[in-house]
Amino acid sequence: MFASTLPRSKTFIRSPLRLITASRRAASTSSSNSASFPHVVNVTPEEKSSGTLTWKNLELANRALHHDGLVVLENAISHAKLDTLNKRMVPDALTLASAGDNSPYNYNKGNIQQDPPMTRQYFDKEIFLNPLAIHVTSSVLGPRPRLSFMSGNSALPPTPESPPTAQPTHSDADFLHPGSPFALVVNVPLIDMTPENGSTEVWLGTHKFGKEAQEGEHGERASGRIKKDFLERQREARPPSQPVMKKGSLIVRDLRLWHGGMPNFSKDVRVMLAMIHFAPWYRNPMEINFAEELRPELEKIHSKLQVQGTYLPEKEILDRYLKGAYGNAYDFNQQERLDVAF
């Protein structure tokens, strides 16, 4: 079900069977590395309809997040709804990429930060307020987590000016943070996500590391990079993987988990949405811009999810949504941090 990843270097070679890097010196694909691949919860039609997982599936998701820092829920979102959004976001991605050095690129110009248009036409609660995602995140973070970040990461096809390049392995929690779970990213790929089109490389279990494993300061475009010695030790203990994520899946990932965007060798833009649910006690002040018409629908979910939003006229949303910053410019830290060392 999942494709494996071998260690990365700067030069990429194509193979009809798999994508590999020019260096092949570690991470074998034997059964001993099976622990590198995420656990999958196969959502049933009944679970999708009710918006709740069975107790056993919720337990599996919860335990996977604590052990691995990531879990996949397959068959969680209707394909037609993803198609509608993808038709808008692919042209938008090309518009952003055309800005070159001024584009909101993340580490390299083959991966850009891209916000979806939060208007009535493109907003769908099955995508952005998925009840199965909320069921999982609230079981880990506590009731009524906070939604204060909504964006996306788009992997672009290579060009002569932007050849295939992997991001450095990094953590999005590029600041001193609690040792307990405090933020979960809900990723939604709009199409099948594979090694061919740049599925994300993940290092399962690394959400248990802190700032000591990182280099680069918060706010820098390349902050949160994992130090080489930490990478080498972790590669020996539990190597990374580049899993296939099926269309209709949602991925719940601990914000602290090491990961890295990979090159898109295909001819198509690959968009993956990213919504962050913070623990209810975690005081992150960010807000999301929504069209005023969405206010009633967003207020309905308040008993299950605290949506931190600013409501604006639709025209203003459409004028502003492609002017967002690159990923590391956002601040995922909290206000009034406790002065404790754990």
Protein backbone atom coordinates (compact mmCIF):
# COMPACT_ATOMS: atom_id res chain seq x y z
CA MET A 1 0.00 0.00 0.00
CA PHE A 2 2.81 2.40 0.80
CA ALA A 3 5.84 3.30 -1.28
CA SER A 4 9.18 3.41 0.50
CA THR A 5 11.74 6.17 0.58
CA LEU A 6 15.50 5.78 0.45
CA PRO A 7 17.89 8.43 1.82
CA ARG A 8 17.87 11.73 0.03
CA SER A 9 20.65 13.65 -1.66
CA LYS A 10 20.58 16.68 -3.92
CA THR A 11 20.43 14.71 -7.17
CA PHE A 12 17.34 12.71 -8.05
CA ILE A 13 17.18 9.78 -10.47
CA ARG A 14 14.02 8.42 -12.07
CA SER A 15 13.22 4.71 -12.03
CA PRO A 16 10.17 2.97 -13.53
CA LEU A 17 9.65 1.07 -10.28
CA ARG A 18 10.35 3.74 -7.67
CA LEU A 19 11.87 7.14 -7.11
CA ILE A 20 15.28 6.94 -5.51
CA THR A 21 18.03 9.37 -4.67
CA ALA A 22 21.55 9.19 -6.02
CA SER A 23 22.64 7.84 -2.65
CA ARG A 24 21.35 4.34 -1.79
CA ARG A 25 23.37 3.64 1.29
CA ALA A 26 20.89 3.06 4.12
CA ALA A 27 17.21 2.35 4.77
CA SER A 28 16.56 -1.05 3.28
CA THR A 29 13.03 -1.88 2.21
CA SER A 30 12.93 -5.11 4.20
CA SER A 31 10.21 -6.01 6.66
CA SER A 32 12.40 -4.71 9.47
CA ASN A 33 11.49 -1.20 8.32
CA SER A 34 7.73 -1.78 8.29
CA ALA A 35 7.42 0.37 11.42
CA SER A 36 8.33 3.39 9.26
CA PHE A 37 4.91 3.40 7.57
CA PRO A 38 1.80 5.09 9.01
CA HIS A 39 -1.18 3.30 10.46
CA VAL A 40 -4.34 3.58 8.35
CA VAL A 41 -7.90 3.76 9.67
CA ASN A 42 -10.29 2.55 6.97
CA VAL A 43 -13.35 4.74 7.47
CA THR A 44 -16.62 2.86 6.88
CA PRO A 45 -19.62 4.41 5.09
CA GLU A 46 -21.45 4.41 8.42
CA GLU A 47 -18.61 6.29 10.14
CA LYS A 48 -18.41 8.83 7.31
CA SER A 49 -22.18 9.38 7.42
CA SER A 50 -22.32 9.78 11.20
CA GLY A 51 -19.12 11.82 11.48
CA THR A 52 -17.82 9.62 14.28
CA LEU A 53 -15.41 6.69 14.38
CA THR A 54 -16.14 3.47 16.21
CA TRP A 55 -14.46 3.21 19.58
CA LYS A 56 -11.91 0.75 18.19
CA ASN A 57 -11.02 2.97 15.24
CA LEU A 58 -10.80 6.01 17.52
CA GLU A 59 -8.49 4.04 19.81
CA LEU A 60 -6.31 3.07 16.84
CA ALA A 61 -6.07 6.69 15.68
CA ASN A 62 -5.28 7.90 19.18
CA ARG A 63 -2.61 5.30 19.84
CA ALA A 64 -1.02 5.87 16.42
CA LEU A 65 -0.76 9.60 17.11
CA HIS A 66 0.87 9.03 20.48
CA HIS A 67 3.27 6.36 19.15
CA ASP A 68 4.01 7.62 15.62
CA GLY A 69 2.88 11.24 15.56
CA LEU A 70 0.70 10.57 12.50
CA VAL A 71 -2.36 8.59 11.38
CA VAL A 72 -4.22 8.31 8.05
CA LEU A 73 -8.01 8.16 7.74
CA GLU A 74 -8.94 6.75 4.32
CA ASN A 75 -12.31 7.31 2.59
CA ALA A 76 -13.08 10.31 4.79
CA ILE A 77 -13.94 12.90 2.09
CA SER A 78 -16.03 12.73 -1.09
CA HIS A 79 -13.95 12.99 -4.27
CA ALA A 80 -16.31 15.39 -6.07
CA LYS A 81 -15.88 17.98 -3.33
CA LEU A 82 -12.10 17.76 -3.64
CA ASP A 83 -12.33 18.13 -7.43
CA THR A 84 -14.24 21.42 -7.15
CA LEU A 85 -11.57 22.95 -4.93
CA ASN A 86 -8.68 21.50 -6.95
CA LYS A 87 -9.96 23.16 -10.15
CA ARG A 88 -9.56 26.52 -8.45
CA MET A 89 -6.34 25.95 -6.52
CA VAL A 90 -4.22 24.50 -9.36
CA PRO A 91 -4.41 27.69 -11.50
CA ASP A 92 -3.88 29.73 -8.33
CA ALA A 93 -0.70 27.75 -7.59
CA LEU A 94 0.69 28.56 -11.02
CA THR A 95 -0.12 32.23 -10.48
CA LEU A 96 1.78 32.21 -7.18
CA ALA A 97 4.73 30.34 -8.70
CA SER A 98 5.02 32.91 -11.49
CA ALA A 99 6.17 35.46 -8.90
CA GLY A 100 9.54 33.67 -8.67
CA ASP A 101 11.64 35.03 -5.81
CA ASN A 102 8.59 36.85 -4.48
CA SER A 103 6.45 33.71 -4.31
CA PRO A 104 5.57 32.21 -0.90
CA TYR A 105 7.95 29.30 -1.38
CA ASN A 106 8.96 26.95 1.43
CA TYR A 107 12.72 26.17 1.43
CA ASN A 108 12.71 25.87 -2.40
CA LYS A 109 10.57 27.17 -5.26
CA GLY A 110 9.12 23.74 -6.00
CA ASN A 111 7.00 23.91 -2.84
CA ILE A 112 4.79 26.90 -2.10
CA GLN A 113 2.48 27.98 0.69
CA GLN A 114 -1.02 28.46 -0.72
CA ASP A 115 -4.23 29.53 0.98
CA PRO A 116 -7.61 28.28 -0.25
CA PRO A 117 -10.32 30.88 -0.96
CA MET A 118 -12.60 30.91 2.06
CA THR A 119 -15.78 31.88 0.19
CA ARG A 120 -19.18 30.21 -0.07
CA GLN A 121 -18.37 28.73 -3.50
CA TYR A 122 -15.27 26.84 -2.34
CA PHE A 123 -15.92 26.20 1.34
CA ASP A 124 -17.15 22.73 2.25
CA LYS A 125 -17.37 21.57 5.86
CA GLU A 126 -16.53 17.98 4.89
CA ILE A 127 -13.12 19.29 3.82
CA PHE A 128 -12.41 22.14 6.22
CA LEU A 129 -14.44 21.12 9.29
CA ASN A 130 -14.35 17.38 8.85
CA PRO A 131 -16.16 15.77 11.81
CA LEU A 132 -13.94 12.68 11.74
CA ALA A 133 -10.86 14.88 12.02
CA ILE A 134 -12.44 16.76 14.93
CA HIS A 135 -13.35 13.45 16.59
CA VAL A 136 -9.69 12.42 16.46
CA THR A 137 -8.10 15.74 17.41
CA SER A 138 -10.43 16.33 20.35
CA SER A 139 -9.69 12.83 21.67
CA VAL A 140 -5.99 13.73 21.83
CA LEU A 141 -5.99 17.46 22.56
CA GLY A 142 -9.14 17.76 24.67
CA PRO A 143 -12.67 18.96 23.88
CA ARG A 144 -13.19 21.94 21.59
CA PRO A 145 -9.72 22.39 20.10
CA ARG A 146 -8.91 25.71 18.44
CA LEU A 147 -8.73 26.09 14.64
CA SER A 148 -6.56 29.12 13.93
CA PHE A 149 -4.60 28.19 10.80
CA MET A 150 -5.85 27.10 7.39
CA SER A 151 -3.60 26.97 4.34
CA GLY A 152 -1.99 24.48 1.98
CA ASN A 153 1.29 23.20 0.56
CA SER A 154 1.52 22.80 -3.19
CA ALA A 155 4.25 20.77 -4.91
CA LEU A 156 4.97 22.15 -8.37
CA PRO A 157 6.19 20.28 -11.46
CA PRO A 158 9.91 20.88 -12.11
CA THR A 159 11.10 23.57 -14.51
CA PRO A 160 14.57 24.49 -15.82
CA GLU A 161 14.58 27.35 -13.30
CA SER A 162 13.36 25.14 -10.45
CA PRO A 163 14.76 21.59 -10.78
CA PRO A 164 13.57 18.74 -8.52
CA THR A 165 14.64 19.54 -4.97
CA ALA A 166 13.74 18.08 -1.58
CA GLN A 167 13.11 20.27 1.42
CA PRO A 168 15.46 19.77 4.36
CA THR A 169 13.94 17.54 7.01
CA HIS A 170 12.35 19.88 9.53
CA SER A 171 9.78 20.36 12.27
CA ASP A 172 7.01 22.96 12.08
CA ALA A 173 7.32 23.44 15.85
CA ASP A 174 10.42 25.63 15.49
CA PHE A 175 10.24 27.09 18.99
CA LEU A 176 10.35 25.91 22.61
CA HIS A 177 7.16 23.91 23.05
CA PRO A 178 5.41 21.59 25.51
CA GLY A 179 6.42 17.95 25.63
CA SER A 180 2.77 16.89 25.48
CA PRO A 181 0.59 17.05 22.34
CA PHE A 182 -0.54 20.64 21.74
CA ALA A 183 -1.18 20.92 17.99
CA LEU A 184 -2.34 18.53 15.29
CA VAL A 185 -2.18 19.31 11.58
CA VAL A 186 -5.06 18.01 9.46
CA ASN A 187 -3.73 17.47 5.93
CA VAL A 188 -6.08 16.85 3.00
CA PRO A 189 -4.56 15.98 -0.40
CA LEU A 190 -6.82 17.08 -3.26
CA ILE A 191 -5.56 14.25 -5.49
CA ASP A 192 -3.75 10.95 -4.91
CA MET A 193 -0.43 11.81 -3.29
CA THR A 194 2.46 9.56 -4.35
CA PRO A 195 6.27 9.66 -4.57
CA GLU A 196 5.80 10.60 -8.23
CA ASN A 197 4.00 13.85 -7.42
CA GLY A 198 5.77 14.72 -4.18
CA SER A 199 4.13 12.98 -1.25
CA THR A 200 5.62 14.19 2.02
CA GLU A 201 8.47 12.25 3.60
CA VAL A 202 7.70 11.53 7.28
CA TRP A 203 9.87 10.37 10.19
CA LEU A 204 7.47 8.53 12.47
CA GLY A 205 8.07 8.79 16.20
CA THR A 206 10.10 12.01 16.02
CA HIS A 207 7.36 14.14 17.59
CA LYS A 208 9.01 13.26 20.89
CA PHE A 209 12.07 15.42 20.09
CA GLY A 210 12.27 19.10 21.00
CA LYS A 211 14.11 22.22 19.91
CA GLU A 212 17.46 20.59 20.75
CA ALA A 213 17.29 18.64 17.46
CA GLN A 214 16.79 21.78 15.34
CA GLU A 215 18.80 24.57 13.80
CA GLY A 216 17.66 27.89 12.37
CA GLU A 217 15.60 30.51 14.18
CA HIS A 218 11.84 30.93 13.99
CA GLY A 219 10.80 33.34 11.25
CA GLU A 220 13.68 32.44 8.94
CA ARG A 221 12.56 30.82 5.70
CA ALA A 222 14.59 27.71 6.56
CA SER A 223 13.96 27.45 10.31
CA GLY A 224 13.28 24.20 12.14
CA ARG A 225 15.84 22.14 10.16
CA ILE A 226 16.90 18.93 11.87
CA LYS A 227 20.60 18.66 12.72
CA LYS A 228 22.60 16.13 10.73
CA ASP A 229 23.69 14.05 13.73
CA PHE A 230 20.09 13.67 14.91
CA LEU A 231 19.05 12.63 11.40
CA GLU A 232 21.74 9.98 11.11
CA ARG A 233 20.94 8.45 14.49
CA GLN A 234 17.22 8.41 13.76
CA ARG A 235 17.76 6.91 10.30
CA GLU A 236 19.45 3.95 11.94
CA ALA A 237 16.71 3.55 14.55
CA ARG A 238 13.64 4.19 12.40
CA PRO A 239 14.14 5.42 8.82
CA PRO A 240 11.68 7.73 7.06
CA SER A 241 9.02 6.79 4.54
CA GLN A 242 7.27 8.54 1.68
CA PRO A 243 3.79 7.00 1.88
CA VAL A 244 1.07 7.01 -0.73
CA MET A 245 -1.97 8.95 0.48
CA LYS A 246 -5.15 8.16 -1.43
CA LYS A 247 -7.52 10.85 -2.62
CA GLY A 248 -10.33 11.13 -0.08
CA SER A 249 -7.95 10.58 2.83
CA LEU A 250 -7.14 12.96 5.62
CA ILE A 251 -3.90 12.81 7.55
CA VAL A 252 -3.62 13.90 11.17
CA ARG A 253 -0.02 14.80 12.06
CA ASP A 254 1.57 16.06 15.26
CA LEU A 255 2.99 19.53 14.54
CA ARG A 256 6.31 18.44 16.10
CA LEU A 257 6.89 15.52 13.70
CA TRP A 258 9.95 15.66 11.45
CA HIS A 259 9.03 15.72 7.77
CA GLY A 260 10.05 17.19 4.44
CA GLY A 261 8.43 18.13 1.15
CA MET A 262 9.66 16.04 -1.77
CA PRO A 263 10.00 16.86 -5.49
CA ASN A 264 7.01 16.62 -7.80
CA PHE A 265 8.19 14.75 -10.90
CA SER A 266 4.74 14.74 -12.52
CA LYS A 267 3.28 17.31 -14.90
CA ASP A 268 0.47 18.25 -12.49
CA VAL A 269 0.38 20.54 -9.46
CA ARG A 270 -0.23 18.59 -6.25
CA VAL A 271 -2.15 20.54 -3.60
CA MET A 272 -2.36 19.41 0.03
CA LEU A 273 -4.44 21.45 2.48
CA ALA A 274 -3.26 22.05 6.05
CA MET A 275 -5.51 23.00 8.97
CA ILE A 276 -4.07 23.18 12.48
CA HIS A 277 -6.12 22.21 15.54
CA PHE A 278 -4.50 23.52 18.73
CA ALA A 279 -5.32 22.21 22.20
CA PRO A 280 -8.04 24.31 23.87
CA TRP A 281 -5.56 25.43 26.53
CA TYR A 282 -2.91 26.42 23.96
CA ARG A 283 -3.13 30.18 23.51
CA ASN A 284 -2.27 30.72 19.86
CA PRO A 285 -3.76 34.05 18.70
CA MET A 286 -3.82 33.57 14.92
CA GLU A 287 -7.07 34.06 13.02
CA ILE A 288 -8.32 32.85 9.64
CA ASN A 289 -9.98 35.16 7.10
CA PHE A 290 -13.46 33.96 6.09
CA ALA A 291 -16.15 35.48 3.91
CA GLU A 292 -18.92 36.98 6.03
CA GLU A 293 -21.45 34.58 4.43
CA LEU A 294 -19.73 31.66 6.17
CA ARG A 295 -20.24 33.00 9.70
CA PRO A 296 -23.50 31.08 10.48
CA GLU A 297 -22.01 27.75 9.37
CA LEU A 298 -18.81 28.29 11.33
CA GLU A 299 -20.68 29.33 14.47
CA LYS A 300 -22.68 26.08 14.36
CA ILE A 301 -19.51 24.05 14.96
CA HIS A 302 -18.45 26.13 17.99
CA SER A 303 -19.55 23.50 20.51
CA LYS A 304 -17.02 21.07 18.99
CA LEU A 305 -14.33 23.31 17.46
CA GLN A 306 -13.33 26.86 18.37
CA VAL A 307 -12.86 28.61 15.03
CA GLN A 308 -10.71 31.72 15.42
CA GLY A 309 -11.86 33.75 12.44
CA THR A 310 -12.09 37.23 11.01
CA TYR A 311 -15.11 37.80 8.77
CA LEU A 312 -14.74 40.00 5.71
CA PRO A 313 -16.71 40.83 2.56
CA GLU A 314 -16.24 38.17 -0.12
CA LYS A 315 -14.56 40.63 -2.49
CA GLU A 316 -11.93 41.40 0.13
CA ILE A 317 -11.29 37.68 0.67
CA LEU A 318 -10.77 37.19 -3.06
CA ASP A 319 -8.46 40.21 -3.20
CA ARG A 320 -6.30 38.99 -0.28
CA TYR A 321 -6.15 35.19 -0.19
CA LEU A 322 -3.24 34.86 -2.64
CA LYS A 323 -1.11 37.32 -0.67
CA GLY A 324 -0.21 35.02 2.23
CA ALA A 325 3.30 34.52 3.56
CA TYR A 326 5.62 31.52 3.27
CA GLY A 327 5.09 28.78 5.85
CA ASN A 328 7.76 29.63 8.43
CA ALA A 329 6.57 33.24 8.63
CA TYR A 330 3.52 32.05 10.60
CA ASP A 331 3.84 31.88 14.36
CA PHE A 332 2.54 28.64 15.89
CA ASN A 333 3.75 29.56 19.38
CA GLN A 334 1.39 30.53 22.20
CA GLN A 335 0.98 33.67 24.26
CA GLU A 336 1.83 33.87 27.96
CA ARG A 337 3.85 30.65 28.02
CA LEU A 338 4.23 28.90 31.35
CA ASP A 339 7.70 29.19 32.87
CA VAL A 340 8.23 25.45 33.25
CA ALA A 341 10.84 23.11 31.78
CA PHE A 342 8.60 20.24 30.66
